[in-house]
N, C-alpha and C. Protein backbone atom coordinates (compact mmCIF):
# COMPACT_ATOMS: atom_id res chain seq x y z
N MET A 1 90.34 317.35 32.64
CA MET A 1 91.62 318.03 32.70
C MET A 1 92.20 318.09 31.30
N ASN A 2 92.64 319.27 30.89
CA ASN A 2 93.23 319.40 29.56
C ASN A 2 94.75 319.24 29.64
N ASP A 3 95.41 319.24 28.51
CA ASP A 3 96.86 318.99 28.47
C ASP A 3 97.65 320.05 29.23
N ASP A 4 97.25 321.31 29.14
CA ASP A 4 97.98 322.37 29.83
C ASP A 4 97.96 322.16 31.33
N THR A 5 96.83 321.79 31.87
CA THR A 5 96.70 321.58 33.31
C THR A 5 97.57 320.42 33.75
N GLY A 6 97.58 319.34 32.99
CA GLY A 6 98.37 318.17 33.33
C GLY A 6 99.86 318.46 33.35
N LYS A 7 100.32 319.29 32.47
CA LYS A 7 101.75 319.61 32.41
C LYS A 7 102.17 320.52 33.55
N LYS A 8 101.28 321.36 34.03
CA LYS A 8 101.63 322.32 35.07
C LYS A 8 101.60 321.70 36.46
N MET A 9 100.84 320.63 36.64
CA MET A 9 100.74 319.99 37.95
C MET A 9 101.98 319.16 38.23
N SER A 10 102.48 319.26 39.44
CA SER A 10 103.62 318.44 39.83
C SER A 10 103.14 317.02 40.11
N ARG A 11 104.08 316.13 40.23
CA ARG A 11 103.75 314.73 40.52
C ARG A 11 102.98 314.64 41.84
N GLU A 12 103.43 315.39 42.84
CA GLU A 12 102.78 315.36 44.15
C GLU A 12 101.34 315.85 44.06
N GLU A 13 101.12 316.89 43.27
CA GLU A 13 99.76 317.42 43.11
C GLU A 13 98.86 316.41 42.42
N ARG A 14 99.40 315.74 41.39
CA ARG A 14 98.61 314.72 40.70
C ARG A 14 98.28 313.57 41.63
N MET A 15 99.27 313.13 42.41
CA MET A 15 99.05 312.04 43.36
C MET A 15 98.00 312.44 44.40
N ALA A 16 98.08 313.66 44.90
CA ALA A 16 97.12 314.13 45.90
C ALA A 16 95.72 314.18 45.31
N ALA A 17 95.60 314.62 44.08
CA ALA A 17 94.29 314.68 43.42
C ALA A 17 93.72 313.28 43.24
N LYS A 18 94.55 312.34 42.82
CA LYS A 18 94.10 310.95 42.65
C LYS A 18 93.70 310.35 43.99
N LEU A 19 94.44 310.66 45.05
CA LEU A 19 94.13 310.15 46.37
C LEU A 19 92.78 310.67 46.85
N ARG A 20 92.52 311.96 46.64
CA ARG A 20 91.23 312.54 47.03
C ARG A 20 90.09 311.91 46.24
N GLU A 21 90.31 311.71 44.94
CA GLU A 21 89.30 311.09 44.08
C GLU A 21 89.00 309.67 44.56
N ASN A 22 90.04 308.92 44.88
CA ASN A 22 89.88 307.55 45.35
C ASN A 22 89.14 307.52 46.68
N LEU A 23 89.49 308.44 47.58
CA LEU A 23 88.83 308.49 48.87
C LEU A 23 87.35 308.79 48.72
N ARG A 24 87.00 309.73 47.86
CA ARG A 24 85.58 310.05 47.62
C ARG A 24 84.85 308.83 47.07
N ARG A 25 85.48 308.11 46.13
CA ARG A 25 84.86 306.93 45.55
C ARG A 25 84.64 305.85 46.61
N ARG A 26 85.63 305.63 47.46
CA ARG A 26 85.52 304.61 48.49
C ARG A 26 84.46 304.97 49.53
N LYS A 27 84.37 306.25 49.87
CA LYS A 27 83.34 306.69 50.81
C LYS A 27 81.95 306.48 50.22
N ALA A 28 81.80 306.78 48.95
CA ALA A 28 80.51 306.58 48.28
C ALA A 28 80.15 305.11 48.25
N GLN A 29 81.11 304.25 47.97
CA GLN A 29 80.86 302.81 47.97
C GLN A 29 80.47 302.33 49.36
N SER A 30 81.14 302.84 50.37
CA SER A 30 80.84 302.45 51.75
C SER A 30 79.42 302.87 52.13
N ARG A 31 79.04 304.10 51.76
CA ARG A 31 77.68 304.57 52.06
C ARG A 31 76.65 303.70 51.34
N GLU A 32 76.94 303.33 50.10
CA GLU A 32 76.03 302.48 49.33
C GLU A 32 75.88 301.12 49.98
N MET A 33 76.99 300.54 50.42
CA MET A 33 76.94 299.23 51.06
C MET A 33 76.12 299.29 52.36
N LYS A 34 76.32 300.35 53.14
CA LYS A 34 75.57 300.50 54.39
C LYS A 34 74.09 300.68 54.11
N ALA A 35 73.76 301.43 53.07
CA ALA A 35 72.36 301.65 52.71
C ALA A 35 71.71 300.35 52.27
N GLU A 36 72.42 299.56 51.48
CA GLU A 36 71.87 298.29 51.01
C GLU A 36 71.66 297.33 52.18
N SER A 37 72.60 297.26 53.10
CA SER A 37 72.46 296.33 54.22
C SER A 37 71.37 296.83 55.16
N GLY A 38 71.13 298.12 55.21
CA GLY A 38 70.09 298.67 56.07
C GLY A 38 68.70 298.44 55.51
N GLU A 39 68.56 298.33 54.20
CA GLU A 39 67.25 298.15 53.59
C GLU A 39 66.65 296.79 53.91
N ASN A 40 67.45 295.74 53.84
CA ASN A 40 66.90 294.41 54.09
C ASN A 40 67.21 293.90 55.49
N GLY A 41 67.94 294.70 56.28
CA GLY A 41 68.20 294.34 57.67
C GLY A 41 69.26 293.29 57.87
N VAL A 42 69.93 292.88 56.79
CA VAL A 42 70.96 291.85 56.89
C VAL A 42 72.25 292.39 56.27
N SER A 43 73.32 292.21 56.99
CA SER A 43 74.61 292.62 56.47
C SER A 43 75.00 291.72 55.30
N LYS A 44 75.69 292.28 54.31
CA LYS A 44 76.13 291.48 53.17
C LYS A 44 77.17 290.45 53.60
N ASP A 45 77.90 290.72 54.68
CA ASP A 45 78.93 289.81 55.15
C ASP A 45 78.37 288.72 56.06
N ALA A 46 77.11 288.84 56.48
CA ALA A 46 76.54 287.86 57.39
C ALA A 46 76.30 286.54 56.65
N PRO A 47 76.67 285.43 57.27
CA PRO A 47 76.42 284.13 56.62
C PRO A 47 74.94 283.80 56.62
N GLU A 48 74.51 283.17 55.54
CA GLU A 48 73.10 282.77 55.44
C GLU A 48 72.93 281.37 56.01
N GLY A 49 71.73 281.07 56.55
CA GLY A 49 71.47 279.72 56.96
C GLY A 49 71.13 279.66 58.36
C-alpha cells in the first residue's frame, strides 16, 4: 500500500482490511496445524505418555 492509498482509506476500511488479513492468517495457521496433526496421527494438544 502506498501513501496515497493509506490517506484515502477511512479508519473503518483500514480496520476491515486488517481484520480480513488476520482472518486469512489464522485460517492458514489452523489448516497447517490440522495437516501436521494428521501426518503423524496425534493431535498436538494430546498428552504424551
